[in-house]
Amino acid sequence: MEQFRYKAKSHEGGKAQSGKVEARDIRQAASILRERGLVVVGLSPISHHIRFTFVSSFLHRVKFVDIANFTRQLSTMITAGLPLTDSLSLLETQVSPGLQTIVSEVLRDVEGGKPLGEALEKHPHVFNTVYVSLVRAGEAAGKLDEMLARLADNLEKEREFRAKTKGAMIYPLIIIIGMIIVTAVMMIFVIPKMTQLYDDFGAKLPFATLLLVNISKFFSSFWYIVLLIGVGSSWMFRLWRATPIGRRSFDEFIFRIPVYGNLRREVLLAEFCRTLGLLVGAGVSIVEGLNIVSDTLPNQVYADSVRETAKRVEKGLSVAATIALYPHFPPILSQMLSVGEETGKIDEVLLKLAVYFETESEHLIKGLTTAIEPLIMVFLGIGVGFLVISVIMPIYNLTSQM
């Protein structure tokens, strides 16, 4: 989005006006002003806006919680009987700054006669394929209020689940960052001072101290090389991770990490079951639902498997039998899907499976937290002990000589 400075006159009385308007391009800006009943006299882009595009996009980025709140509020308004345009108009002034511009564009499209699903589809970075598909299904069935309510429930559950998963990693992350900062301070500031003291007294340094001193000298003298290696390695890894082979290899490696790999698998299974259950329950065909879910899964291994499942199901195979062919899907998933296909309630079965996998994930989160705490304490104790011995031993030798 860009900002434009305008000069215009009103139709009634020809009163001159000036100000700013935000739009994708100059044509849309002129269209917006005409819709306001203004005759455009002058319209030009604000050049300094370009300099702050990155900062503005970062500060006004749309968060997951913003989308969840917007969906819940829109659902409540439509359920209360408000027309869609009135609901969007009210939300335009209530949502977060990052979402405000998008809601304005959606409102203009809806007022222009477009369905809500089509208007939302123009903003894939905010409203993903699943969101748009569910809204379209609700509009087609004439049950947009019910679909938005179900979508809001799903987003709130997903937000709560994400918060639990991230919360489990905060404690170890803080400890690791603290250790890195303390080690860096020791290497750059403390150890060089101690080395000068040892040299002045001619102390004989033990192996641990020599190793620490040499590492400190290397970091102090060649810090820029370490920085370049770190940045270069990160850049190379991102390039490799962006390739299909790199992404799949990395995603497979994630599953091999003890405890965390199982947690990641359970989270993906919960997301898969919940999303597919919502789509099928909204009237989306199972093949189309599988294709949509495959595009939204953040893991290449599962995305490829779901995409292949959709192809096999389209040829006439059952979902349960196809899912059973892939080892990273647990047996309970294919067994329950088989029951759902036989009873014709596959959407209900999928939503129950989603709850099951979420419960398993919560147990794994507790186990991960319990397992990480003692490991961090042991690792921290070894690191601190090594630093203390390396620094204290030469001082002890000096006092013994004196």
Protein backbone atom coordinates (compact mmCIF):
# COMPACT_ATOMS: atom_id res chain seq x y z
CA MET A 1 0.00 0.00 0.00
CA GLU A 2 1.17 3.53 -0.82
CA GLN A 3 0.17 6.94 0.46
CA PHE A 4 -0.91 9.77 -1.84
CA ARG A 5 -1.36 13.47 -1.13
CA TYR A 6 -4.46 14.89 -2.79
CA LYS A 7 -6.18 18.20 -3.49
CA ALA A 8 -9.87 18.00 -4.32
CA LYS A 9 -13.18 19.86 -4.38
CA SER A 10 -16.51 18.63 -3.08
CA HIS A 11 -19.45 18.25 -5.45
CA GLU A 12 -21.62 20.32 -3.16
CA GLY A 13 -20.36 23.90 -3.00
CA GLY A 14 -16.99 23.17 -4.55
CA LYS A 15 -15.20 23.46 -1.20
CA ALA A 16 -11.46 22.78 -1.51
CA GLN A 17 -10.01 19.91 0.51
CA SER A 18 -6.58 18.35 0.90
CA GLY A 19 -5.13 15.41 2.76
CA LYS A 20 -3.71 11.91 2.42
CA VAL A 21 -5.22 8.70 1.07
CA GLU A 22 -3.83 5.16 1.15
CA ALA A 23 -4.22 2.84 -1.86
CA ARG A 24 -2.42 0.24 -3.98
CA ASP A 25 -1.81 2.66 -6.85
CA ILE A 26 -2.78 6.12 -8.09
CA ARG A 27 -5.84 4.81 -9.96
CA GLN A 28 -7.28 3.22 -6.84
CA ALA A 29 -6.53 6.40 -4.87
CA ALA A 30 -8.52 8.46 -7.41
CA SER A 31 -11.36 5.92 -7.28
CA ILE A 32 -11.51 6.14 -3.49
CA LEU A 33 -11.71 9.92 -3.61
CA ARG A 34 -14.50 9.83 -6.23
CA GLU A 35 -16.45 7.41 -4.00
CA ARG A 36 -16.19 10.05 -1.25
CA GLY A 37 -17.90 12.54 -3.55
CA LEU A 38 -14.77 14.56 -4.37
CA VAL A 39 -13.47 15.97 -7.65
CA VAL A 40 -9.72 15.33 -7.81
CA VAL A 41 -7.63 18.40 -8.60
CA GLY A 42 -4.18 17.06 -7.75
CA LEU A 43 -2.88 13.62 -6.71
CA SER A 44 0.75 12.66 -6.10
CA PRO A 45 2.60 9.89 -4.18
CA ILE A 46 4.35 10.75 -0.93
CA SER A 47 8.00 9.96 -1.67
CA HIS A 48 9.25 9.68 1.91
CA HIS A 49 6.76 6.88 2.52
CA ILE A 50 9.01 4.53 0.52
CA ARG A 51 11.86 4.96 3.01
CA PHE A 52 9.76 3.71 5.87
CA THR A 53 7.93 0.91 4.05
CA PHE A 54 9.89 -1.82 5.84
CA VAL A 55 9.56 -0.22 9.28
CA SER A 56 5.86 0.47 8.74
CA SER A 57 5.17 -3.08 7.54
CA PHE A 58 6.98 -4.47 10.60
CA LEU A 59 5.15 -2.27 13.08
CA HIS A 60 1.77 -2.79 11.41
CA ARG A 61 2.12 -6.48 10.57
CA VAL A 62 -1.00 -8.58 11.01
CA LYS A 63 -0.71 -11.05 13.88
CA PHE A 64 -2.55 -14.34 14.26
CA VAL A 65 -4.47 -12.94 17.24
CA ASP A 66 -5.71 -10.05 15.04
CA ILE A 67 -7.22 -12.48 12.53
CA ALA A 68 -8.83 -14.52 15.31
CA ASN A 69 -10.37 -11.42 16.91
CA PHE A 70 -11.58 -10.09 13.55
CA THR A 71 -13.26 -13.41 12.74
CA ARG A 72 -14.97 -13.60 16.14
CA GLN A 73 -16.25 -10.01 15.95
CA LEU A 74 -17.49 -10.42 12.37
CA SER A 75 -19.25 -13.65 13.33
CA THR A 76 -20.94 -12.00 16.31
CA MET A 77 -22.17 -9.03 14.24
CA ILE A 78 -23.59 -11.15 11.42
CA THR A 79 -25.25 -13.53 13.90
CA ALA A 80 -26.85 -10.47 15.53
CA GLY A 81 -28.46 -9.59 12.20
CA LEU A 82 -26.19 -6.79 10.94
CA PRO A 83 -25.61 -6.70 7.15
CA LEU A 84 -22.14 -7.75 6.01
CA THR A 85 -21.23 -4.27 4.75
CA ASP A 86 -22.27 -2.62 8.03
CA SER A 87 -20.30 -5.21 10.01
CA LEU A 88 -17.15 -4.62 7.96
CA SER A 89 -17.63 -0.84 8.22
CA LEU A 90 -17.78 -1.05 12.02
CA LEU A 91 -14.77 -3.38 12.19
CA GLU A 92 -12.76 -1.06 9.96
CA THR A 93 -12.30 1.33 12.89
CA GLN A 94 -11.88 -1.35 15.59
CA VAL A 95 -9.25 -3.74 14.19
CA SER A 96 -5.47 -3.35 14.53
CA PRO A 97 -3.69 -0.80 12.26
CA GLY A 98 -2.16 -3.57 10.14
CA LEU A 99 -5.53 -5.14 9.45
CA GLN A 100 -7.40 -1.85 9.02
CA THR A 101 -6.24 -1.24 5.45
CA ILE A 102 -7.11 -4.79 4.43
CA VAL A 103 -10.60 -4.58 5.94
CA SER A 104 -11.11 -1.31 4.05
CA GLU A 105 -10.25 -3.01 0.75
CA VAL A 106 -12.48 -5.98 1.57
CA LEU A 107 -15.34 -3.59 2.37
CA ARG A 108 -14.94 -1.76 -0.94
CA ASP A 109 -14.96 -5.06 -2.87
CA VAL A 110 -18.05 -6.30 -1.03
CA GLU A 111 -19.82 -2.99 -1.64
CA GLY A 112 -18.88 -3.38 -5.29
CA GLY A 113 -20.82 -6.64 -5.45
CA LYS A 114 -18.11 -9.23 -4.86
CA PRO A 115 -18.68 -12.15 -2.44
CA LEU A 116 -16.76 -12.03 0.83
CA GLY A 117 -14.68 -15.08 -0.08
CA GLU A 118 -13.50 -13.48 -3.31
CA ALA A 119 -12.66 -10.24 -1.50
CA LEU A 120 -10.64 -12.09 1.14
CA GLU A 121 -8.79 -14.13 -1.51
CA LYS A 122 -6.97 -10.97 -2.64
CA HIS A 123 -5.01 -11.02 0.65
CA PRO A 124 -3.43 -14.50 0.84
CA HIS A 125 -0.73 -13.31 3.27
CA VAL A 126 -3.48 -12.69 5.85
CA PHE A 127 -6.32 -15.03 4.92
CA ASN A 128 -4.97 -18.42 3.82
CA THR A 129 -6.58 -20.93 1.47
CA VAL A 130 -8.39 -22.75 4.27
CA TYR A 131 -9.93 -19.53 5.60
CA VAL A 132 -11.14 -18.45 2.15
CA SER A 133 -12.49 -21.93 1.31
CA LEU A 134 -14.51 -22.08 4.52
CA VAL A 135 -15.96 -18.59 3.95
CA ARG A 136 -16.92 -19.50 0.38
CA ALA A 137 -18.54 -22.74 1.58
CA GLY A 138 -20.53 -20.77 4.16
CA GLU A 139 -21.68 -18.26 1.55
CA ALA A 140 -22.68 -21.02 -0.88
CA ALA A 141 -24.74 -22.79 1.81
CA GLY A 142 -26.27 -19.55 3.09
CA LYS A 143 -24.75 -20.17 6.52
CA LEU A 144 -21.97 -17.60 6.66
CA ASP A 145 -22.70 -16.76 10.30
CA GLU A 146 -22.39 -20.41 11.39
CA MET A 147 -19.23 -20.92 9.35
CA LEU A 148 -17.58 -17.80 10.74
CA ALA A 149 -18.47 -18.93 14.27
CA ARG A 150 -16.86 -22.34 13.66
CA LEU A 151 -13.86 -20.67 12.05
CA ALA A 152 -13.50 -18.31 15.02
CA ASP A 153 -13.66 -21.25 17.45
CA ASN A 154 -10.98 -23.04 15.46
CA LEU A 155 -8.68 -20.01 15.34
CA GLU A 156 -9.02 -19.42 19.09
CA LYS A 157 -8.21 -23.08 19.83
CA GLU A 158 -5.23 -22.89 17.50
CA ARG A 159 -4.03 -19.69 19.18
CA GLU A 160 -4.28 -21.28 22.61
CA PHE A 161 -2.47 -24.37 21.39
CA ARG A 162 0.32 -22.30 19.82
CA ALA A 163 0.72 -20.35 23.05
CA LYS A 164 1.19 -23.56 25.03
CA THR A 165 3.75 -24.88 22.56
CA LYS A 166 5.74 -21.64 22.50
CA GLY A 167 5.48 -21.25 26.28
CA ALA A 168 7.24 -24.57 26.78
CA MET A 169 10.26 -23.29 24.85
CA ILE A 170 10.60 -19.89 26.56
CA TYR A 171 12.46 -21.13 29.65
CA PRO A 172 15.20 -23.09 27.83
CA LEU A 173 15.54 -20.30 25.26
CA ILE A 174 16.13 -17.68 27.98
CA ILE A 175 18.74 -19.91 29.65
CA ILE A 176 20.58 -20.55 26.35
CA ILE A 177 20.62 -16.84 25.43
CA GLY A 178 21.88 -15.98 28.92
CA MET A 179 24.68 -18.56 28.61
CA ILE A 180 25.73 -17.18 25.23
CA ILE A 181 25.84 -13.59 26.57
CA VAL A 182 27.83 -14.56 29.69
CA THR A 183 30.29 -16.62 27.63
CA ALA A 184 30.76 -13.77 25.15
CA VAL A 185 31.44 -11.26 27.97
CA MET A 186 33.95 -13.65 29.56
CA MET A 187 35.75 -14.27 26.26
CA ILE A 188 35.91 -10.66 25.10
CA PHE A 189 36.44 -8.70 28.35
CA VAL A 190 37.30 -10.87 31.36
CA ILE A 191 39.72 -13.48 29.98
CA PRO A 192 42.02 -10.94 28.20
CA LYS A 193 42.45 -9.05 31.52
CA MET A 194 43.20 -12.29 33.36
CA THR A 195 45.68 -13.32 30.64
CA GLN A 196 47.61 -10.08 31.13
CA LEU A 197 47.74 -10.74 34.88
CA TYR A 198 49.06 -14.28 34.32
CA ASP A 199 51.73 -12.98 31.94
CA ASP A 200 52.88 -10.33 34.42
CA PHE A 201 53.43 -12.95 37.13
CA GLY A 202 54.80 -15.58 34.73
CA ALA A 203 52.27 -18.15 35.88
CA LYS A 204 52.31 -21.62 34.39
CA LEU A 205 48.92 -22.16 32.85
CA PRO A 206 47.11 -25.54 32.90
CA PHE A 207 45.65 -27.02 29.72
CA ALA A 208 42.09 -25.82 30.45
CA THR A 209 43.27 -22.24 30.93
CA LEU A 210 45.46 -22.34 27.80
CA LEU A 211 42.52 -23.59 25.79
CA LEU A 212 40.28 -20.84 27.16
CA VAL A 213 42.91 -18.14 26.56
CA ASN A 214 43.49 -19.23 22.95
CA ILE A 215 39.76 -19.28 22.25
CA SER A 216 39.44 -15.82 23.79
CA LYS A 217 42.35 -14.47 21.70
CA PHE A 218 40.80 -15.89 18.54
CA PHE A 219 37.41 -14.32 19.24
CA SER A 220 38.96 -10.99 20.24
CA SER A 221 41.25 -10.80 17.21
CA PHE A 222 39.10 -12.39 14.54
CA TRP A 223 35.56 -11.57 15.68
CA TYR A 224 34.69 -10.27 12.23
CA ILE A 225 35.63 -13.64 10.70
CA VAL A 226 33.38 -15.42 13.20
CA LEU A 227 30.60 -12.96 12.36
CA LEU A 228 31.06 -13.46 8.61
CA ILE A 229 31.10 -17.24 9.01
CA GLY A 230 27.92 -17.07 11.09
CA VAL A 231 26.09 -14.81 8.62
CA GLY A 232 27.36 -16.78 5.62
CA SER A 233 26.38 -20.12 7.13
CA SER A 234 22.91 -18.78 7.96
CA TRP A 235 22.49 -17.47 4.41
CA MET A 236 23.69 -20.74 2.85
CA PHE A 237 21.38 -22.72 5.11
CA ARG A 238 18.39 -20.57 4.12
CA LEU A 239 19.19 -21.07 0.43
CA TRP A 240 19.48 -24.83 0.92
CA ARG A 241 16.34 -24.88 3.05
CA ALA A 242 14.43 -23.13 0.24
CA THR A 243 15.12 -25.98 -2.20
CA PRO A 244 12.65 -28.94 -2.30
CA ILE A 245 15.39 -31.42 -1.31
CA GLY A 246 16.68 -29.19 1.48
CA ARG A 247 13.23 -28.51 2.89
CA ARG A 248 12.28 -32.21 2.93
CA SER A 249 15.65 -33.25 4.43
CA PHE A 250 15.37 -30.64 7.18
CA ASP A 251 11.76 -31.57 7.93
CA GLU A 252 12.75 -35.25 8.17
CA PHE A 253 15.62 -34.31 10.50
CA ILE A 254 13.20 -32.48 12.82
CA PHE A 255 11.36 -35.76 13.47
CA ARG A 256 14.61 -37.44 14.58
CA ILE A 257 15.20 -34.98 17.43
CA PRO A 258 14.39 -36.75 20.73
CA VAL A 259 11.12 -35.64 22.38
CA TYR A 260 10.81 -32.49 20.23
CA GLY A 261 10.44 -34.58 17.05
CA ASN A 262 7.45 -36.43 18.52
CA LEU A 263 5.96 -33.15 19.70
CA ARG A 264 6.29 -31.64 16.23
CA ARG A 265 4.62 -34.71 14.70
CA GLU A 266 1.66 -34.54 17.10
CA VAL A 267 1.21 -30.81 16.42
CA LEU A 268 1.15 -31.40 12.66
CA LEU A 269 -1.35 -34.26 13.01
CA ALA A 270 -3.62 -32.09 15.16
CA GLU A 271 -3.46 -29.28 12.58
CA PHE A 272 -4.14 -31.72 9.71
CA CYS A 273 -7.17 -33.32 11.38
CA ARG A 274 -8.68 -30.05 12.59
CA THR A 275 -8.35 -28.27 9.23
CA LEU A 276 -9.57 -31.20 7.12
CA GLY A 277 -12.46 -31.79 9.54
CA LEU A 278 -13.59 -28.19 9.20
CA LEU A 279 -13.38 -28.26 5.41
CA VAL A 280 -15.28 -31.54 5.05
CA GLY A 281 -17.88 -30.39 7.59
CA ALA A 282 -18.39 -27.23 5.53
CA GLY A 283 -19.27 -29.27 2.44
CA VAL A 284 -15.87 -29.24 0.70
CA SER A 285 -15.14 -32.55 -1.05
CA ILE A 286 -12.54 -34.80 0.57
CA VAL A 287 -10.22 -34.56 -2.46
CA GLU A 288 -10.39 -30.77 -2.57
CA GLY A 289 -9.98 -30.64 1.22
CA LEU A 290 -6.84 -32.78 1.08
CA ASN A 291 -5.35 -30.57 -1.65
CA ILE A 292 -6.10 -27.42 0.35
CA VAL A 293 -4.60 -28.89 3.54
CA SER A 294 -1.46 -30.02 1.68
CA ASP A 295 -0.80 -26.41 0.66
CA THR A 296 -1.09 -25.14 4.24
CA LEU A 297 0.93 -27.74 6.16
CA PRO A 298 4.33 -26.30 7.18
CA ASN A 299 6.12 -29.67 6.89
CA GLN A 300 7.13 -30.95 3.45
CA VAL A 301 6.99 -34.63 4.45
CA TYR A 302 3.35 -34.43 5.51
CA ALA A 303 2.42 -32.04 2.70
CA ASP A 304 3.72 -34.46 0.05
CA SER A 305 1.97 -37.41 1.69
CA VAL A 306 -1.38 -35.57 1.87
CA ARG A 307 -1.03 -34.46 -1.76
CA GLU A 308 -0.37 -38.06 -2.85
CA THR A 309 -3.33 -39.19 -0.75
CA ALA A 310 -5.59 -36.77 -2.62
CA LYS A 311 -4.45 -38.24 -5.97
CA ARG A 312 -5.10 -41.81 -4.80
CA VAL A 313 -8.51 -40.93 -3.35
CA GLU A 314 -9.45 -39.24 -6.63
CA LYS A 315 -8.75 -42.57 -8.37
CA GLY A 316 -11.18 -44.38 -6.08
CA LEU A 317 -9.13 -45.51 -3.06
CA SER A 318 -10.35 -44.84 0.46
CA VAL A 319 -8.70 -42.18 2.63
CA ALA A 320 -8.05 -44.63 5.48
CA ALA A 321 -6.35 -47.21 3.24
CA THR A 322 -4.17 -44.56 1.59
CA ILE A 323 -3.15 -42.88 4.87
CA ALA A 324 -2.10 -46.31 6.22
CA LEU A 325 0.57 -46.55 3.49
CA TYR A 326 2.64 -43.74 5.03
CA PRO A 327 4.64 -44.64 8.16
CA HIS A 328 4.59 -41.12 9.65
CA PHE A 329 0.81 -41.32 10.07
CA PRO A 330 -0.02 -43.33 13.24
CA PRO A 331 -2.30 -46.41 12.96
CA ILE A 332 -5.03 -44.75 15.05
CA LEU A 333 -5.53 -42.16 12.29
CA SER A 334 -6.27 -44.72 9.56
CA GLN A 335 -8.40 -46.82 11.93
CA MET A 336 -10.58 -43.89 12.98
CA LEU A 337 -10.84 -42.61 9.39
CA SER A 338 -12.07 -46.04 8.35
CA VAL A 339 -14.83 -45.78 10.97
CA GLY A 340 -15.67 -42.28 9.75
CA GLU A 341 -15.93 -43.41 6.13
CA GLU A 342 -18.20 -46.33 7.05
CA THR A 343 -20.53 -44.17 9.16
CA GLY A 344 -20.45 -41.13 6.86
CA LYS A 345 -19.22 -38.89 9.70
CA ILE A 346 -15.62 -38.38 8.68
CA ASP A 347 -15.69 -34.69 9.68
CA GLU A 348 -16.73 -35.53 13.26
CA VAL A 349 -14.08 -38.25 13.47
CA LEU A 350 -11.38 -35.84 12.25
CA LEU A 351 -12.32 -33.19 14.81
CA LYS A 352 -12.22 -35.81 17.60
CA LEU A 353 -8.81 -36.94 16.35
CA ALA A 354 -7.65 -33.32 16.44
CA VAL A 355 -8.59 -33.13 20.14
CA TYR A 356 -6.79 -36.44 20.76
CA PHE A 357 -3.56 -35.27 19.10
CA GLU A 358 -3.74 -31.91 20.91
CA THR A 359 -4.00 -33.77 24.23
CA GLU A 360 -1.03 -35.93 23.29
CA SER A 361 0.91 -32.79 22.37
CA GLU A 362 0.18 -31.22 25.76
CA HIS A 363 1.53 -34.33 27.50
CA LEU A 364 4.65 -34.18 25.35
CA ILE A 365 5.08 -30.48 26.14
CA LYS A 366 5.06 -31.27 29.86
CA GLY A 367 7.53 -34.10 29.27
CA LEU A 368 9.76 -31.84 27.18
CA THR A 369 9.80 -29.16 29.88
CA THR A 370 10.56 -31.75 32.56
CA ALA A 371 13.37 -33.29 30.49
CA ILE A 372 14.96 -30.01 29.39
CA GLU A 373 15.28 -28.43 32.84
CA PRO A 374 17.77 -30.97 34.32
CA LEU A 375 19.69 -31.18 31.03
CA ILE A 376 20.12 -27.41 30.99
CA MET A 377 21.22 -27.39 34.62
CA VAL A 378 23.82 -30.12 33.94
CA PHE A 379 25.09 -28.35 30.83
CA LEU A 380 25.16 -25.01 32.65
CA GLY A 381 27.02 -26.57 35.59
CA ILE A 382 29.66 -28.10 33.30
CA GLY A 383 30.17 -24.81 31.46
CA VAL A 384 30.40 -22.71 34.63
CA GLY A 385 32.64 -25.30 36.25
CA PHE A 386 35.01 -25.24 33.27
CA LEU A 387 35.20 -21.43 33.34
CA VAL A 388 35.77 -21.33 37.10
CA ILE A 389 38.50 -23.99 37.04
CA SER A 390 40.22 -22.33 34.07
CA VAL A 391 40.29 -18.96 35.84
CA ILE A 392 40.93 -20.05 39.44
CA MET A 393 43.62 -22.74 38.90
CA PRO A 394 46.36 -20.31 37.71
CA ILE A 395 45.58 -17.96 40.63
CA TYR A 396 45.83 -20.90 43.05
CA ASN A 397 49.21 -21.85 41.53
CA LEU A 398 50.44 -18.28 41.91
CA THR A 399 49.49 -18.15 45.61
CA SER A 400 51.19 -21.51 46.17
CA GLN A 401 54.44 -20.24 44.60
CA MET A 402 54.36 -17.08 46.69
